[in-house]
C-alpha atoms as a PDB file:
ATOM      1  CA  MET A   1     -14.860  38.627 -46.195  1.00  0.00           C
ATOM      2  CA  LEU A   2     -18.645  38.747 -46.450  1.00  0.00           C
ATOM      3  CA  ALA A   3     -19.092  41.920 -44.414  1.00  0.00           C
ATOM      4  CA  GLY A   4     -16.983  44.794 -43.178  1.00  0.00           C
ATOM      5  CA  GLU A   5     -14.225  44.520 -40.610  1.00  0.00           C
ATOM      6  CA  LYS A   6     -15.442  44.066 -37.034  1.00  0.00           C
ATOM      7  CA  ARG A   7     -18.948  43.176 -38.241  1.00  0.00           C
ATOM      8  CA  PHE A   8     -20.627  40.332 -36.356  1.00  0.00           C
ATOM      9  CA  GLU A   9     -20.518  37.825 -39.191  1.00  0.00           C
ATOM     10  CA  THR A  10     -16.899  38.586 -40.103  1.00  0.00           C
ATOM     11  CA  VAL A  11     -15.675  38.259 -36.509  1.00  0.00           C
ATOM     12  CA  LEU A  12     -17.736  35.106 -35.995  1.00  0.00           C
ATOM     13  CA  MET A  13     -16.404  33.373 -39.110  1.00  0.00           C
ATOM     14  CA  GLU A  14     -12.812  34.387 -38.344  1.00  0.00           C
ATOM     15  CA  THR A  15     -13.161  33.145 -34.757  1.00  0.00           C
ATOM     16  CA  LEU A  16     -14.745  29.820 -35.751  1.00  0.00           C
ATOM     17  CA  LYS A  17     -12.277  29.323 -38.627  1.00  0.00           C
ATOM     18  CA  GLY A  18     -14.761  28.177 -41.254  1.00  0.00           C
ATOM     19  CA  ASP A  19     -16.854  25.863 -39.073  1.00  0.00           C
ATOM     20  CA  VAL A  20     -19.778  28.249 -39.570  1.00  0.00           C
ATOM     21  CA  ILE A  21     -20.626  30.537 -42.459  1.00  0.00           C
ATOM     22  CA  VAL A  22     -23.010  33.405 -41.705  1.00  0.00           C
ATOM     23  CA  LYS A  23     -24.357  36.234 -43.806  1.00  0.00           C
ATOM     24  CA  SER A  24     -26.608  39.076 -42.869  1.00  0.00           C
ATOM     25  CA  GLY A  25     -29.291  40.332 -45.168  1.00  0.00           C
ATOM     26  CA  ALA A  26     -31.685  43.222 -45.262  1.00  0.00           C
ATOM     27  CA  GLU A  27     -34.097  44.040 -42.462  1.00  0.00           C
ATOM     28  CA  GLY A  28     -32.895  41.730 -39.689  1.00  0.00           C
ATOM     29  CA  VAL A  29     -32.189  38.599 -41.747  1.00  0.00           C
ATOM     30  CA  TYR A  30     -29.332  36.193 -40.969  1.00  0.00           C
ATOM     31  CA  VAL A  31     -28.412  32.943 -42.675  1.00  0.00           C
ATOM     32  CA  ALA A  32     -26.028  30.421 -41.104  1.00  0.00           C
ATOM     33  CA  ILE A  33     -24.520  27.310 -42.677  1.00  0.00           C
ATOM     34  CA  LEU A  34     -22.928  24.588 -40.542  1.00  0.00           C
ATOM     35  CA  PRO A  35     -21.216  22.316 -43.093  1.00  0.00           C
ATOM     36  CA  SER A  36     -19.980  19.720 -40.604  1.00  0.00           C
ATOM     37  CA  LEU A  37     -23.533  19.101 -39.382  1.00  0.00           C
ATOM     38  CA  GLY A  38     -25.226  19.495 -42.742  1.00  0.00           C
ATOM     39  CA  TYR A  39     -27.450  22.205 -41.231  1.00  0.00           C
ATOM     40  CA  GLY A  40     -28.536  25.592 -42.414  1.00  0.00           C
ATOM     41  CA  ALA A  41     -30.699  28.169 -40.692  1.00  0.00           C
ATOM     42  CA  ALA A  42     -32.360  31.414 -41.634  1.00  0.00           C
ATOM     43  CA  LEU A  43     -33.502  33.957 -39.063  1.00  0.00           C
ATOM     44  CA  LYS A  44     -35.754  36.965 -39.575  1.00  0.00           C
ATOM     45  CA  ILE A  45     -36.459  39.589 -36.934  1.00  0.00           C
ATOM     46  CA  ASN A  46     -39.850  41.134 -37.697  1.00  0.00           C
ATOM     47  CA  ASP A  47     -38.931  44.696 -36.787  1.00  0.00           C
ATOM     48  CA  GLY A  48     -35.710  44.517 -38.825  1.00  0.00           C
ATOM     49  CA  SER A  49     -33.388  44.975 -35.856  1.00  0.00           C
ATOM     50  CA  ALA A  50     -29.819  44.088 -36.808  1.00  0.00           C
ATOM     51  CA  HIS A  51     -28.791  43.853 -33.151  1.00  0.00           C
ATOM     52  CA  ALA A  52     -31.607  41.419 -32.339  1.00  0.00           C
ATOM     53  CA  SER A  53     -30.740  39.233 -35.332  1.00  0.00           C
ATOM     54  CA  GLU A  54     -27.087  39.067 -34.214  1.00  0.00           C
ATOM     55  CA  VAL A  55     -28.149  38.015 -30.714  1.00  0.00           C
ATOM     56  CA  ALA A  56     -30.570  35.402 -32.090  1.00  0.00           C
ATOM     57  CA  CYS A  57     -27.947  34.015 -34.480  1.00  0.00           C
ATOM     58  CA  GLY A  58     -25.333  33.873 -31.707  1.00  0.00           C
ATOM     59  CA  ALA A  59     -27.784  32.150 -29.351  1.00  0.00           C
ATOM     60  CA  LEU A  60     -28.670  29.566 -31.994  1.00  0.00           C
ATOM     61  CA  LEU A  61     -25.001  28.819 -32.698  1.00  0.00           C
ATOM     62  CA  GLN A  62     -24.267  28.667 -28.966  1.00  0.00           C
ATOM     63  CA  HIS A  63     -27.122  26.195 -28.494  1.00  0.00           C
ATOM     64  CA  LEU A  64     -25.622  24.018 -31.242  1.00  0.00           C
ATOM     65  CA  GLY A  65     -22.206  24.163 -29.547  1.00  0.00           C
ATOM     66  CA  TYR A  66     -20.490  26.485 -32.021  1.00  0.00           C
ATOM     67  CA  CYS A  67     -20.104  29.605 -29.901  1.00  0.00           C
ATOM     68  CA  PRO A  68     -18.754  30.231 -26.444  1.00  0.00           C
ATOM     69  CA  SER A  69     -21.083  31.923 -24.008  1.00  0.00           C
ATOM     70  CA  LEU A  70     -22.103  35.353 -25.246  1.00  0.00           C
ATOM     71  CA  HIS A  71     -21.175  36.674 -21.794  1.00  0.00           C
ATOM     72  CA  GLU A  72     -17.680  35.205 -21.500  1.00  0.00           C
ATOM     73  CA  SER A  73     -14.752  37.564 -21.752  1.00  0.00           C
ATOM     74  CA  PRO A  74     -11.652  36.481 -23.706  1.00  0.00           C
END
């Protein structure tokens, strides 16, 4: 586990079963690694908003086909 239970990155990695590795950092930073594609990405939200960085990371992964719609219910 890279973050606490129920944290965005923990839930995301558990849901995607290792297809994506994400880690949050200080002040609105997220890093994502997509081993199967050979991609990596780093996001920084200027105002340091953790919520905004989660949304941006989720949108990026959704665009790449790794996340279901952020608005779908299970």
